[in-house]
N, C-alpha and C. Protein backbone atom coordinates (compact mmCIF):
# COMPACT_ATOMS: atom_id res chain seq x y z
N MET A 1 -15.57 -14.65 18.09
CA MET A 1 -15.79 -15.15 16.63
C MET A 1 -14.56 -14.17 15.52
N GLY A 2 -13.83 -14.64 14.57
CA GLY A 2 -13.44 -13.82 13.79
C GLY A 2 -14.25 -13.61 12.35
N PRO A 3 -13.72 -12.81 11.52
CA PRO A 3 -14.71 -12.14 10.12
C PRO A 3 -14.84 -13.11 9.38
N VAL A 4 -15.60 -13.33 8.80
CA VAL A 4 -16.52 -14.27 7.33
C VAL A 4 -15.29 -14.29 6.87
N ARG A 5 -15.42 -15.39 5.93
CA ARG A 5 -14.72 -15.11 4.72
C ARG A 5 -15.27 -14.47 3.96
N PRO A 6 -14.98 -13.74 2.95
CA PRO A 6 -15.96 -13.30 1.58
C PRO A 6 -15.92 -14.38 0.87
N PRO A 7 -17.14 -14.31 0.14
CA PRO A 7 -18.07 -15.54 -0.61
C PRO A 7 -16.92 -15.46 -2.35
N TYR A 8 -16.77 -16.51 -2.19
CA TYR A 8 -16.25 -16.84 -3.96
C TYR A 8 -16.98 -16.03 -4.99
N VAL A 9 -15.48 -15.71 -4.92
CA VAL A 9 -16.39 -15.07 -6.61
C VAL A 9 -14.90 -15.22 -7.60
N LYS A 10 -14.45 -14.74 -8.97
CA LYS A 10 -14.10 -15.11 -10.12
C LYS A 10 -12.79 -14.14 -9.50
N THR A 11 -11.68 -15.03 -9.56
CA THR A 11 -10.32 -14.70 -9.06
C THR A 11 -9.33 -14.81 -10.44
N VAL A 12 -8.66 -13.95 -10.43
CA VAL A 12 -7.64 -13.46 -11.93
C VAL A 12 -5.94 -13.23 -10.82
N PRO A 13 -5.25 -13.97 -11.49
CA PRO A 13 -3.95 -14.55 -10.97
C PRO A 13 -3.00 -13.11 -11.48
N PHE A 14 -2.50 -12.12 -10.49
CA PHE A 14 -2.07 -10.63 -10.64
C PHE A 14 -1.38 -10.23 -11.61
N GLU A 15 -0.74 -11.31 -12.15
CA GLU A 15 0.30 -11.43 -13.57
C GLU A 15 -1.42 -11.31 -14.37
N GLU A 16 -2.02 -11.62 -14.86
CA GLU A 16 -2.92 -11.68 -16.01
C GLU A 16 -3.76 -10.51 -15.96
N CYS A 17 -3.36 -9.30 -14.80
CA CYS A 17 -4.20 -8.54 -14.84
C CYS A 17 -3.81 -7.08 -14.65
N CYS A 18 -2.47 -7.45 -13.71
CA CYS A 18 -1.66 -6.32 -12.71
C CYS A 18 0.02 -5.83 -14.12
N ARG A 19 0.26 -5.47 -14.06
CA ARG A 19 2.00 -5.01 -13.77
C ARG A 19 2.30 -3.89 -12.88
N ILE A 20 3.67 -4.00 -12.27
CA ILE A 20 4.38 -3.74 -11.64
C ILE A 20 4.62 -2.07 -12.52
N ARG A 21 4.86 -1.08 -12.01
CA ARG A 21 5.66 0.00 -12.70
C ARG A 21 6.20 0.90 -11.91
N TYR A 22 7.48 1.98 -11.76
CA TYR A 22 8.32 3.09 -11.29
C TYR A 22 7.32 3.99 -11.47
N SER A 23 7.02 4.89 -10.10
CA SER A 23 6.11 6.01 -10.49
C SER A 23 7.58 6.96 -10.43
N PHE A 24 8.27 7.70 -10.60
CA PHE A 24 9.31 9.03 -10.87
C PHE A 24 8.38 10.48 -10.26
N LEU A 25 6.96 10.70 -9.71
CA LEU A 25 6.72 11.72 -9.47
C LEU A 25 6.48 11.15 -7.97
N LEU A 26 5.91 9.85 -7.40
CA LEU A 26 6.35 9.29 -6.39
C LEU A 26 7.17 8.61 -5.52
N GLU A 27 8.15 8.71 -6.60
CA GLU A 27 9.15 8.12 -6.23
C GLU A 27 9.08 6.60 -5.68
N THR A 28 8.17 6.04 -5.59
CA THR A 28 7.87 4.54 -5.65
C THR A 28 7.34 4.06 -6.51
N GLU A 29 7.33 2.44 -6.16
CA GLU A 29 6.50 1.69 -7.62
C GLU A 29 4.99 1.53 -7.11
N GLU A 30 4.62 1.49 -8.17
CA GLU A 30 3.04 1.35 -7.78
C GLU A 30 2.19 0.31 -8.87
N VAL A 31 1.28 -0.13 -8.85
CA VAL A 31 0.30 -1.41 -9.44
C VAL A 31 -0.46 -0.64 -10.33
N VAL A 32 -0.72 -0.83 -12.00
CA VAL A 32 -1.50 -0.30 -12.94
C VAL A 32 -2.32 -1.75 -13.29
N ALA A 33 -3.51 -1.59 -13.40
CA ALA A 33 -4.36 -2.22 -14.16
C ALA A 33 -3.90 -2.88 -15.98
N THR A 34 -3.65 -3.91 -16.28
CA THR A 34 -3.69 -3.83 -17.86
C THR A 34 -4.52 -4.31 -18.77
N THR A 35 -5.34 -4.47 -18.15
CA THR A 35 -7.29 -4.78 -18.88
C THR A 35 -7.92 -4.33 -18.38
N ASP A 36 -8.79 -4.33 -18.40
CA ASP A 36 -10.05 -3.69 -17.48
C ASP A 36 -10.69 -5.14 -16.73
N ILE A 37 -11.16 -4.31 -15.65
CA ILE A 37 -11.29 -5.77 -14.89
C ILE A 37 -13.03 -5.23 -14.45
N ALA A 38 -13.80 -6.34 -14.04
CA ALA A 38 -15.18 -5.77 -13.32
C ALA A 38 -15.36 -5.57 -11.50
N ALA A 39 -16.11 -5.59 -11.41
CA ALA A 39 -16.36 -4.86 -10.08
C ALA A 39 -16.82 -6.78 -9.35
N ASN A 40 -16.02 -6.63 -8.25
CA ASN A 40 -16.26 -7.77 -7.61
C ASN A 40 -15.42 -8.82 -7.97
N THR A 41 -14.27 -8.53 -8.60
CA THR A 41 -13.26 -9.65 -9.28
C THR A 41 -11.88 -9.88 -8.18
N TRP A 42 -11.94 -10.91 -7.64
CA TRP A 42 -10.73 -11.09 -6.76
C TRP A 42 -9.53 -11.15 -7.14
N ILE A 43 -8.67 -10.68 -6.81
CA ILE A 43 -7.20 -10.19 -7.92
C ILE A 43 -6.01 -10.90 -6.94
N ASP A 44 -5.49 -12.42 -7.42
CA ASP A 44 -5.03 -13.05 -6.42
C ASP A 44 -2.98 -12.82 -6.59
N ALA A 45 -2.75 -12.33 -5.46
CA ALA A 45 -1.22 -11.28 -5.33
C ALA A 45 -0.61 -11.84 -4.39
N SER A 46 -1.36 -13.48 -4.25
CA SER A 46 -0.23 -14.26 -3.04
C SER A 46 1.22 -15.03 -2.95
N SER A 47 1.17 -14.72 -4.25
CA SER A 47 2.53 -15.71 -4.60
C SER A 47 3.74 -14.53 -4.97
N PRO A 48 4.94 -14.33 -4.37
CA PRO A 48 5.38 -15.48 -3.24
C PRO A 48 5.00 -14.40 -2.19
N LEU A 49 4.75 -15.37 -0.89
CA LEU A 49 4.19 -15.10 0.27
C LEU A 49 5.15 -15.48 1.24
N TRP A 50 5.80 -14.91 2.37
CA TRP A 50 5.66 -15.71 3.29
C TRP A 50 5.03 -15.29 4.84
N ASN A 51 5.05 -15.90 5.41
CA ASN A 51 4.00 -15.82 7.07
C ASN A 51 4.39 -16.68 7.72
N PHE A 52 4.54 -15.27 9.11
CA PHE A 52 5.47 -15.86 10.39
C PHE A 52 4.99 -15.02 11.31
N HIS A 53 5.11 -15.44 12.52
CA HIS A 53 4.53 -14.29 13.82
C HIS A 53 5.08 -13.45 13.97
N ALA A 54 4.84 -12.63 14.16
CA ALA A 54 5.32 -11.07 14.55
C ALA A 54 5.95 -10.94 16.18
N HIS A 55 6.35 -11.74 16.92
CA HIS A 55 6.60 -11.84 17.95
C HIS A 55 7.89 -13.15 18.02
N THR A 56 7.74 -14.01 17.58
CA THR A 56 8.79 -14.89 17.52
C THR A 56 9.92 -15.17 16.06
N LYS A 57 9.23 -14.38 14.83
CA LYS A 57 10.02 -13.88 14.27
C LYS A 57 10.52 -15.55 13.45
N ASN A 58 9.87 -16.74 13.08
CA ASN A 58 10.11 -17.87 12.53
C ASN A 58 10.92 -17.92 11.20
N SER A 59 11.20 -18.99 10.81
CA SER A 59 12.12 -19.42 10.02
C SER A 59 11.86 -18.76 8.43
N ASP A 60 10.48 -18.80 8.60
CA ASP A 60 10.13 -17.47 7.50
C ASP A 60 10.46 -16.77 7.43
N TYR A 61 10.33 -15.89 8.47
CA TYR A 61 11.18 -14.30 9.15
C TYR A 61 12.49 -14.30 8.50
N ALA A 62 13.18 -15.01 8.44
CA ALA A 62 15.08 -15.48 8.20
C ALA A 62 15.15 -15.39 6.94
N MET A 63 13.88 -15.98 6.33
CA MET A 63 13.95 -16.15 4.87
C MET A 63 13.69 -14.61 4.03
N TRP A 64 12.57 -14.40 4.59
CA TRP A 64 11.80 -13.27 4.00
C TRP A 64 12.98 -11.54 4.06
N ARG A 65 13.73 -12.13 5.59
CA ARG A 65 14.68 -10.80 6.12
C ARG A 65 16.12 -11.29 4.80
N SER A 66 16.14 -12.21 4.45
CA SER A 66 17.18 -12.39 3.19
C SER A 66 17.05 -12.03 2.19
N LYS A 67 15.84 -11.80 1.89
CA LYS A 67 15.36 -11.20 0.63
C LYS A 67 15.01 -9.70 0.43
N LEU A 68 15.05 -9.27 1.46
CA LEU A 68 15.02 -8.29 1.89
C LEU A 68 16.67 -7.14 1.42
N VAL A 69 17.46 -7.91 2.23
CA VAL A 69 19.40 -7.64 2.34
C VAL A 69 19.49 -7.81 0.50
N HIS A 70 19.07 -8.93 0.06
CA HIS A 70 19.09 -8.26 -1.14
C HIS A 70 18.60 -7.43 -2.06
N SER A 71 17.19 -7.47 -1.76
CA SER A 71 16.59 -6.42 -2.42
C SER A 71 16.56 -4.76 -2.22
N PHE A 72 17.21 -4.87 -0.98
CA PHE A 72 18.08 -3.37 -0.40
C PHE A 72 19.43 -2.97 -0.86
N ASN A 73 20.33 -4.19 -1.53
CA ASN A 73 21.47 -3.55 -2.33
C ASN A 73 20.89 -3.40 -3.76
N GLU A 74 19.72 -4.48 -4.54
CA GLU A 74 19.90 -3.80 -5.51
C GLU A 74 19.11 -2.69 -5.96
N TYR A 75 18.27 -2.41 -4.93
CA TYR A 75 17.44 -0.91 -4.93
C TYR A 75 18.55 0.19 -4.80
N LYS A 76 18.96 -0.19 -3.46
CA LYS A 76 20.48 1.28 -3.35
C LYS A 76 21.23 1.55 -4.62
N GLU A 77 21.64 0.47 -5.28
CA GLU A 77 22.49 0.69 -6.64
C GLU A 77 22.26 0.82 -7.88
N ALA A 78 20.53 0.74 -7.77
CA ALA A 78 19.62 1.22 -9.01
C ALA A 78 19.51 2.51 -8.49
N SER A 79 19.14 2.97 -7.62
CA SER A 79 18.61 4.54 -7.10
C SER A 79 20.47 5.25 -7.38
N GLU A 80 21.39 4.97 -6.72
CA GLU A 80 22.46 5.81 -7.23
C GLU A 80 22.85 5.58 -8.66
N SER A 81 22.37 4.59 -9.50
CA SER A 81 22.89 4.75 -11.24
C SER A 81 22.11 6.00 -11.57
N VAL A 82 20.68 5.87 -11.22
CA VAL A 82 19.97 6.87 -11.86
C VAL A 82 20.39 8.09 -11.20
N LEU A 83 20.36 8.70 -9.95
CA LEU A 83 20.97 9.80 -9.62
C LEU A 83 22.46 10.28 -10.24
N ALA A 84 22.95 9.13 -10.39
CA ALA A 84 24.33 9.66 -11.20
C ALA A 84 24.43 10.38 -12.35
N HIS A 85 22.93 9.86 -12.89
CA HIS A 85 22.80 10.52 -14.38
C HIS A 85 21.72 11.37 -14.63
N SER A 86 21.57 11.41 -13.55
CA SER A 86 20.55 12.86 -13.41
C SER A 86 20.67 14.08 -12.47
N SER A 87 20.04 15.84 -12.97
CA SER A 87 20.62 16.38 -12.20
C SER A 87 19.51 17.02 -11.52
N THR A 88 18.21 16.45 -12.04
CA THR A 88 16.88 16.69 -11.63
C THR A 88 16.14 16.17 -10.45
N LEU A 89 16.89 14.39 -9.92
CA LEU A 89 16.17 13.93 -8.86
C LEU A 89 16.24 14.18 -8.05
N SER A 90 15.71 14.48 -6.88
CA SER A 90 16.30 14.62 -5.63
C SER A 90 16.54 12.92 -5.32
N PRO A 91 17.62 13.07 -3.89
CA PRO A 91 17.96 11.64 -3.67
C PRO A 91 16.98 10.57 -2.85
N ARG A 92 16.90 9.31 -3.50
CA ARG A 92 15.77 8.87 -2.84
C ARG A 92 16.51 8.33 -1.37
N PHE A 93 17.64 8.41 -0.80
CA PHE A 93 18.33 8.09 0.35
C PHE A 93 18.74 8.83 0.91
N HIS A 94 17.59 9.50 1.45
CA HIS A 94 17.62 10.85 2.00
C HIS A 94 16.97 10.88 2.97
N PRO A 95 17.16 10.84 4.57
CA PRO A 95 18.80 10.97 4.87
C PRO A 95 18.81 9.29 4.41
N PRO A 96 20.91 8.97 4.68
CA PRO A 96 21.08 7.60 3.94
C PRO A 96 20.26 6.71 4.69
N MET A 97 20.22 5.62 4.13
CA MET A 97 19.50 4.62 4.20
C MET A 97 20.02 3.66 4.26
N THR A 98 19.98 3.02 5.86
CA THR A 98 21.20 1.89 6.01
C THR A 98 20.14 0.28 6.25
N GLN A 99 21.19 -0.45 5.51
CA GLN A 99 20.42 -2.16 5.89
C GLN A 99 19.08 -2.30 6.85
N ASP A 100 19.47 -1.80 8.30
CA ASP A 100 19.18 -2.45 9.13
C ASP A 100 17.58 -1.68 9.17
N TYR A 101 17.77 -0.35 8.88
CA TYR A 101 16.28 0.95 8.96
C TYR A 101 15.68 0.34 7.85
N TRP A 102 16.30 0.08 6.49
CA TRP A 102 15.36 -0.83 5.70
C TRP A 102 14.66 -1.72 6.08
N ILE A 103 15.32 -3.03 6.30
CA ILE A 103 14.33 -3.70 7.00
C ILE A 103 13.33 -3.28 7.72
N GLU A 104 13.47 -2.93 9.03
CA GLU A 104 12.35 -2.41 9.97
C GLU A 104 11.20 -1.76 9.12
N LEU A 105 11.94 -1.06 8.46
CA LEU A 105 11.13 -0.19 7.70
C LEU A 105 10.48 -1.18 6.87
N MET A 106 10.59 -2.22 5.70
CA MET A 106 9.83 -3.07 5.16
C MET A 106 9.12 -3.83 6.10
N TRP A 107 10.11 -4.55 7.62
CA TRP A 107 8.51 -4.94 8.09
C TRP A 107 7.32 -4.42 8.60
N PHE A 108 7.43 -3.08 8.74
CA PHE A 108 6.29 -2.28 9.54
C PHE A 108 5.15 -1.93 8.26
N THR A 109 5.94 -1.71 6.91
CA THR A 109 5.00 -1.51 6.03
C THR A 109 4.60 -2.03 4.67
N ASN A 110 5.07 -2.99 4.78
CA ASN A 110 4.90 -3.98 3.88
C ASN A 110 4.49 -4.98 4.12
N CYS A 111 4.17 -5.64 5.53
CA CYS A 111 3.23 -6.32 6.16
C CYS A 111 1.52 -6.44 6.30
N TRP A 112 0.92 -7.39 6.53
CA TRP A 112 -0.30 -7.40 6.33
C TRP A 112 -0.96 -8.32 7.57
N GLN A 113 -1.20 -8.12 8.68
CA GLN A 113 -1.76 -8.70 9.31
C GLN A 113 -3.17 -9.80 9.38
N SER A 114 -2.73 -11.03 9.32
CA SER A 114 -4.14 -12.17 9.18
C SER A 114 -5.07 -11.81 9.78
N MET A 115 -6.08 -12.05 8.91
CA MET A 115 -7.24 -11.16 9.37
C MET A 115 -8.20 -12.44 10.57
N LEU A 116 -8.03 -13.98 9.73
CA LEU A 116 -8.04 -14.87 10.74
C LEU A 116 -7.51 -14.37 12.28
N SER A 117 -8.71 -14.08 13.33
CA SER A 117 -8.73 -14.01 14.66
C SER A 117 -8.02 -14.86 15.70
N SER A 118 -7.58 -16.10 15.30
CA SER A 118 -7.07 -17.33 15.60
C SER A 118 -5.58 -17.28 15.38
N SER A 119 -5.21 -16.19 15.22
CA SER A 119 -3.56 -16.32 14.68
C SER A 119 -3.21 -14.78 14.63
N SER A 120 -2.14 -14.87 15.38
CA SER A 120 -1.29 -13.49 15.23
C SER A 120 -0.12 -13.36 14.00
N ALA A 121 -0.04 -14.26 13.37
CA ALA A 121 0.49 -13.99 12.29
C ALA A 121 0.67 -12.90 11.15
N VAL A 122 1.75 -12.73 10.93
CA VAL A 122 1.83 -11.59 9.67
C VAL A 122 2.32 -11.99 8.13
N VAL A 123 1.67 -11.42 7.01
CA VAL A 123 2.29 -12.08 6.20
C VAL A 123 3.16 -10.90 5.34
N SER A 124 3.87 -11.25 4.44
CA SER A 124 4.76 -10.38 3.63
C SER A 124 4.83 -10.61 2.05
N VAL A 125 4.01 -10.10 1.61
CA VAL A 125 3.92 -10.49 0.01
C VAL A 125 4.51 -9.79 -1.04
N VAL A 126 5.43 -10.13 -2.06
CA VAL A 126 5.65 -8.94 -2.99
C VAL A 126 5.28 -8.34 -3.75
N ASN A 127 4.59 -8.58 -4.41
CA ASN A 127 3.01 -8.26 -5.66
C ASN A 127 2.41 -7.66 -4.18
N GLY A 128 2.08 -8.09 -3.11
CA GLY A 128 1.07 -7.46 -2.71
C GLY A 128 1.68 -6.05 -2.00
N SER A 129 2.51 -5.83 -1.59
CA SER A 129 3.62 -4.58 -1.10
C SER A 129 3.04 -3.45 -1.89
N LYS A 130 3.14 -4.00 -3.26
CA LYS A 130 3.21 -2.75 -4.17
C LYS A 130 2.53 -1.61 -4.04
N PHE A 131 1.61 -2.36 -4.06
CA PHE A 131 -0.02 -1.62 -3.67
C PHE A 131 0.12 -0.18 -3.34
N ASN A 132 -0.11 1.04 -3.46
CA ASN A 132 -0.19 2.13 -3.02
C ASN A 132 -1.27 2.32 -2.09
N HIS A 133 -1.95 3.53 -0.94
CA HIS A 133 -2.67 3.57 -0.04
C HIS A 133 -3.49 4.79 -1.05
N SER A 134 -4.91 5.28 -1.14
CA SER A 134 -5.78 5.98 -1.52
C SER A 134 -6.96 5.92 -0.62
N CYS A 135 -7.18 6.77 0.21
CA CYS A 135 -8.44 6.69 0.98
C CYS A 135 -9.98 6.42 0.53
N ASP A 136 -9.31 6.66 -0.90
CA ASP A 136 -10.93 6.19 -1.88
C ASP A 136 -10.34 4.71 -2.70
N ALA A 137 -10.18 4.07 -2.26
CA ALA A 137 -9.36 3.01 -2.65
C ALA A 137 -10.15 2.14 -3.44
N ASN A 138 -9.53 1.17 -4.61
CA ASN A 138 -10.60 0.32 -5.67
C ASN A 138 -10.50 -0.85 -5.39
N LEU A 139 -9.32 -0.89 -4.52
CA LEU A 139 -9.61 -2.78 -3.63
C LEU A 139 -10.05 -2.99 -2.74
N HIS A 140 -10.40 -4.06 -2.00
CA HIS A 140 -10.26 -4.12 -0.27
C HIS A 140 -9.48 -5.25 -0.57
N VAL A 141 -8.87 -5.64 0.93
CA VAL A 141 -8.17 -6.53 0.93
C VAL A 141 -8.70 -7.55 1.94
N TRP A 142 -7.91 -8.92 1.66
CA TRP A 142 -8.54 -9.88 2.24
C TRP A 142 -6.92 -10.84 2.43
N VAL A 143 -6.06 -11.03 3.43
CA VAL A 143 -5.46 -11.45 3.42
C VAL A 143 -5.47 -12.49 4.94
N ASP A 144 -4.85 -14.00 4.78
CA ASP A 144 -4.97 -15.01 6.07
C ASP A 144 -3.10 -15.58 6.22
N HIS A 145 -3.21 -17.17 6.76
CA HIS A 145 -1.79 -17.59 5.88
C HIS A 145 -1.43 -18.03 4.71
N THR A 146 -2.45 -17.95 4.04
CA THR A 146 -1.95 -18.17 2.43
C THR A 146 -2.04 -17.74 1.19
N GLN A 147 -3.17 -16.47 1.87
CA GLN A 147 -3.69 -15.52 0.65
C GLN A 147 -3.55 -14.40 0.76
N PHE A 148 -3.19 -13.63 -0.62
CA PHE A 148 -3.51 -12.12 -0.42
C PHE A 148 -4.62 -11.96 -1.49
N ARG A 149 -5.48 -11.26 -1.40
CA ARG A 149 -6.49 -11.44 -2.59
C ARG A 149 -6.74 -9.73 -2.23
N CYS A 150 -7.81 -9.22 -3.04
CA CYS A 150 -7.80 -8.00 -3.57
C CYS A 150 -8.91 -7.83 -4.07
N ARG A 151 -10.30 -7.75 -3.60
CA ARG A 151 -11.58 -7.53 -4.27
C ARG A 151 -11.73 -6.33 -5.22
N THR A 152 -12.15 -6.12 -6.00
CA THR A 152 -12.29 -5.05 -7.10
C THR A 152 -13.53 -3.95 -6.38
N VAL A 153 -13.63 -2.54 -6.12
CA VAL A 153 -15.00 -2.58 -5.08
C VAL A 153 -15.99 -2.12 -6.22
N ARG A 154 -15.37 -1.69 -7.41
CA ARG A 154 -16.43 -1.38 -8.75
C ARG A 154 -15.83 -1.39 -10.05
N ASP A 155 -16.12 -1.29 -11.11
CA ASP A 155 -15.41 -1.20 -12.55
C ASP A 155 -13.99 -0.21 -13.16
N ILE A 156 -12.52 -0.82 -12.99
CA ILE A 156 -11.80 -0.57 -12.83
C ILE A 156 -11.21 -0.93 -14.93
N SER A 157 -11.21 0.44 -15.04
CA SER A 157 -10.62 0.33 -16.48
C SER A 157 -9.00 -0.41 -16.75
N ALA A 158 -8.65 -0.27 -17.89
CA ALA A 158 -6.86 -0.91 -17.96
C ALA A 158 -6.20 0.62 -18.22
N GLY A 159 -4.66 0.61 -17.44
CA GLY A 159 -4.27 1.57 -17.32
C GLY A 159 -4.22 2.31 -16.05
N GLU A 160 -5.46 1.95 -15.18
CA GLU A 160 -5.78 2.70 -13.93
C GLU A 160 -4.93 2.31 -12.80
N ILE A 161 -4.42 3.18 -11.70
CA ILE A 161 -3.56 2.74 -10.89
C ILE A 161 -4.46 2.11 -9.99
N LEU A 162 -4.09 0.58 -9.59
CA LEU A 162 -4.55 0.07 -8.01
C LEU A 162 -4.84 0.46 -6.76
N THR A 163 -5.39 0.91 -5.74
CA THR A 163 -5.03 0.79 -4.70
C THR A 163 -5.67 0.43 -3.50
N VAL A 164 -4.87 0.46 -2.40
CA VAL A 164 -5.54 -0.14 -1.24
C VAL A 164 -5.13 0.89 -0.34
N SER A 165 -6.53 0.68 0.73
CA SER A 165 -6.44 1.84 2.36
C SER A 165 -5.32 0.49 2.97
N TYR A 166 -4.47 1.30 3.09
CA TYR A 166 -3.53 0.86 4.23
C TYR A 166 -3.98 0.75 5.72
N LEU A 167 -5.72 1.54 6.12
CA LEU A 167 -5.95 1.82 7.14
C LEU A 167 -7.45 0.81 7.55
N GLY A 168 -7.32 -0.02 6.65
CA GLY A 168 -8.50 -1.03 6.57
C GLY A 168 -9.26 -0.87 5.93
N ASN A 169 -10.12 -1.66 5.23
CA ASN A 169 -11.13 -2.04 4.65
C ASN A 169 -12.38 -1.11 5.33
N LYS A 170 -12.99 -0.76 6.51
CA LYS A 170 -13.78 0.02 7.10
C LYS A 170 -13.64 1.49 7.71
N MET A 171 -12.07 1.76 7.06
CA MET A 171 -11.60 3.21 7.36
C MET A 171 -12.41 4.22 6.79
N LYS A 172 -13.72 4.22 5.85
CA LYS A 172 -13.86 4.98 4.36
C LYS A 172 -14.71 5.75 5.14
N GLU A 173 -15.41 6.19 6.62
CA GLU A 173 -16.22 7.25 7.15
C GLU A 173 -15.20 8.11 8.09
N THR A 174 -14.07 7.26 8.15
CA THR A 174 -12.82 8.12 8.90
C THR A 174 -12.79 9.73 8.77
N ALA A 175 -12.62 10.71 9.51
CA ALA A 175 -12.25 12.28 9.00
C ALA A 175 -10.88 12.43 8.44
N LEU A 176 -10.99 13.22 7.65
CA LEU A 176 -9.54 13.73 6.80
C LEU A 176 -8.31 13.42 7.80
N GLU A 177 -8.34 14.57 9.02
CA GLU A 177 -6.93 14.70 9.76
C GLU A 177 -6.52 13.35 10.52
N ASP A 178 -8.31 12.57 11.28
CA ASP A 178 -7.59 11.30 11.73
C ASP A 178 -7.20 10.52 10.81
N ARG A 179 -7.35 10.44 10.02
CA ARG A 179 -6.90 9.36 8.34
C ARG A 179 -4.98 9.87 8.40
N ARG A 180 -4.91 11.15 8.05
CA ARG A 180 -4.06 11.19 7.43
C ARG A 180 -2.94 11.42 9.25
N GLU A 181 -3.52 11.37 9.86
CA GLU A 181 -2.71 11.20 11.25
C GLU A 181 -2.06 9.82 11.76
N ARG A 182 -2.76 8.82 11.65
CA ARG A 182 -2.51 7.53 11.23
C ARG A 182 -1.93 7.10 10.41
N LEU A 183 -1.86 7.42 9.35
CA LEU A 183 -1.39 7.03 7.93
C LEU A 183 0.21 7.91 8.04
N MET A 184 0.39 8.43 8.99
CA MET A 184 1.62 9.15 9.52
C MET A 184 2.54 7.70 9.68
N ASN A 185 2.19 7.14 9.95
CA ASN A 185 3.40 5.62 10.88
C ASN A 185 3.52 5.19 9.05
N TRP A 186 3.31 5.84 8.14
CA TRP A 186 3.85 5.03 7.28
C TRP A 186 4.76 6.19 6.50
N HIS A 187 4.69 7.13 7.35
CA HIS A 187 6.04 8.10 7.00
C HIS A 187 5.18 8.81 5.37
N PHE A 188 3.95 9.14 5.81
CA PHE A 188 3.71 10.04 4.21
C PHE A 188 2.23 10.96 4.90
N LYS A 189 2.55 11.35 3.83
CA LYS A 189 1.31 12.92 4.64
C LYS A 189 -0.14 12.25 2.82
N CYS A 190 -0.86 12.01 3.17
CA CYS A 190 -1.71 11.41 2.06
C CYS A 190 -2.42 12.45 1.37
N MET A 191 -2.27 12.70 0.00
CA MET A 191 -2.32 14.00 -0.92
C MET A 191 -3.24 12.69 -2.19
N CYS A 192 -4.24 11.71 -1.48
CA CYS A 192 -4.99 11.17 -2.71
C CYS A 192 -6.27 12.09 -3.03
N ASP A 193 -7.20 11.73 -4.18
CA ASP A 193 -7.79 12.57 -4.68
C ASP A 193 -8.77 12.98 -3.49
N ARG A 194 -9.08 12.25 -2.63
CA ARG A 194 -10.28 12.33 -1.49
C ARG A 194 -9.65 12.88 -1.07
N CYS A 195 -8.51 12.98 -0.28
CA CYS A 195 -7.73 14.16 0.61
C CYS A 195 -7.86 15.03 0.49
N GLU A 196 -7.64 15.62 -1.19
CA GLU A 196 -7.04 17.00 -1.37
C GLU A 196 -8.39 17.82 -1.98
N ILE A 197 -9.32 16.93 -2.25
CA ILE A 197 -10.75 17.06 -2.47
C ILE A 197 -11.60 17.58 -0.35
N GLU A 198 -11.26 17.12 -0.24
CA GLU A 198 -11.83 17.41 1.38
C GLU A 198 -10.94 18.44 1.82
N GLU A 199 -9.55 18.17 1.73
CA GLU A 199 -9.08 19.73 2.19
C GLU A 199 -9.64 20.92 1.65
N THR A 200 -9.92 20.96 0.16
CA THR A 200 -10.04 22.12 -0.47
C THR A 200 -11.68 21.94 -0.35
N LEU A 201 -12.36 21.54 0.37
CA LEU A 201 -14.04 22.27 1.11
C LEU A 201 -13.71 22.75 2.57
N LEU A 202 -12.84 22.05 3.22
CA LEU A 202 -12.40 22.52 4.31
C LEU A 202 -12.20 23.73 4.99
N ASP A 203 -11.18 23.87 3.87
CA ASP A 203 -10.28 25.64 3.21
C ASP A 203 -11.61 26.72 3.42
N ILE A 204 -12.43 26.19 1.96
CA ILE A 204 -13.91 26.79 1.84
C ILE A 204 -13.90 26.72 2.98
N ILE A 205 -14.68 26.66 3.45
CA ILE A 205 -15.57 26.81 5.05
C ILE A 205 -15.13 27.20 6.14
N SER A 206 -13.51 27.07 6.12
CA SER A 206 -12.60 28.15 7.13
C SER A 206 -12.54 29.27 6.26
N MET A 207 -12.98 29.60 5.45
CA MET A 207 -12.64 30.78 4.62
C MET A 207 -13.95 32.21 4.74
N LEU A 208 -14.89 30.92 4.74
CA LEU A 208 -16.33 31.68 4.76
C LEU A 208 -16.99 31.96 6.10
N GLU A 209 -16.01 31.01 7.11
CA GLU A 209 -16.83 31.41 8.80
C GLU A 209 -15.79 32.53 8.59
N ARG A 210 -14.78 32.80 8.21
CA ARG A 210 -13.57 34.10 8.78
C ARG A 210 -14.37 35.71 7.97
N GLU A 211 -15.20 35.43 7.09
CA GLU A 211 -15.43 36.40 6.62
C GLU A 211 -16.79 36.89 6.97
N ASP A 212 -18.19 35.83 7.35
CA ASP A 212 -19.06 36.25 8.24
C ASP A 212 -18.55 36.43 9.89
N LEU A 213 -17.38 36.00 10.53
CA LEU A 213 -17.05 36.96 11.70
C LEU A 213 -16.33 38.24 11.18
N GLY A 214 -15.49 38.39 9.85
CA GLY A 214 -15.49 39.76 9.35
C GLY A 214 -16.57 41.09 9.57
N HIS A 215 -17.91 40.56 9.22
CA HIS A 215 -19.13 41.19 9.21
C HIS A 215 -19.70 41.66 10.60
């Protein structure tokens, strides 16, 4: 039996409460709240959405791939333009990013598997792929064939960055090193607030243990 669909609560379209901006610190895009959002609000980021099967890669995959080719060309031109006028930014495409590598990377890092157990389909959503990861995410994700929704797990203030967990909604109690190891599949070491706090605490514990051994 598949997971039970979350109960209906207030739903707000993505465009009415969020916007996408570029973070030069992270060298990636992020989603920020444009207004206060109450806890247990659904944010509908379903459009545009492509639905296809991971193994068969049907016609929606072909459409999705053509969009990525266009996106790759635009992103590369924009990145090269920024670098040409800056002596401080590190190259975004290093090592060189080929079109095929870009598409495979986006296939893995920007697709969500349907939560309906009867399907092996995956979906790719333009707005939904812009949410960055946090191990203490303020959104929980629900995705099926036609919808990509995020539920706020607490009140969110205007200007706050909206985050999801790439590891799923049930990974909250996983240990730091286990989370970081799994997140390396997305080619980054997580440095969210929760990870940094836990890392600091582990360093303190380790230091105290070494002092005890020294005595």
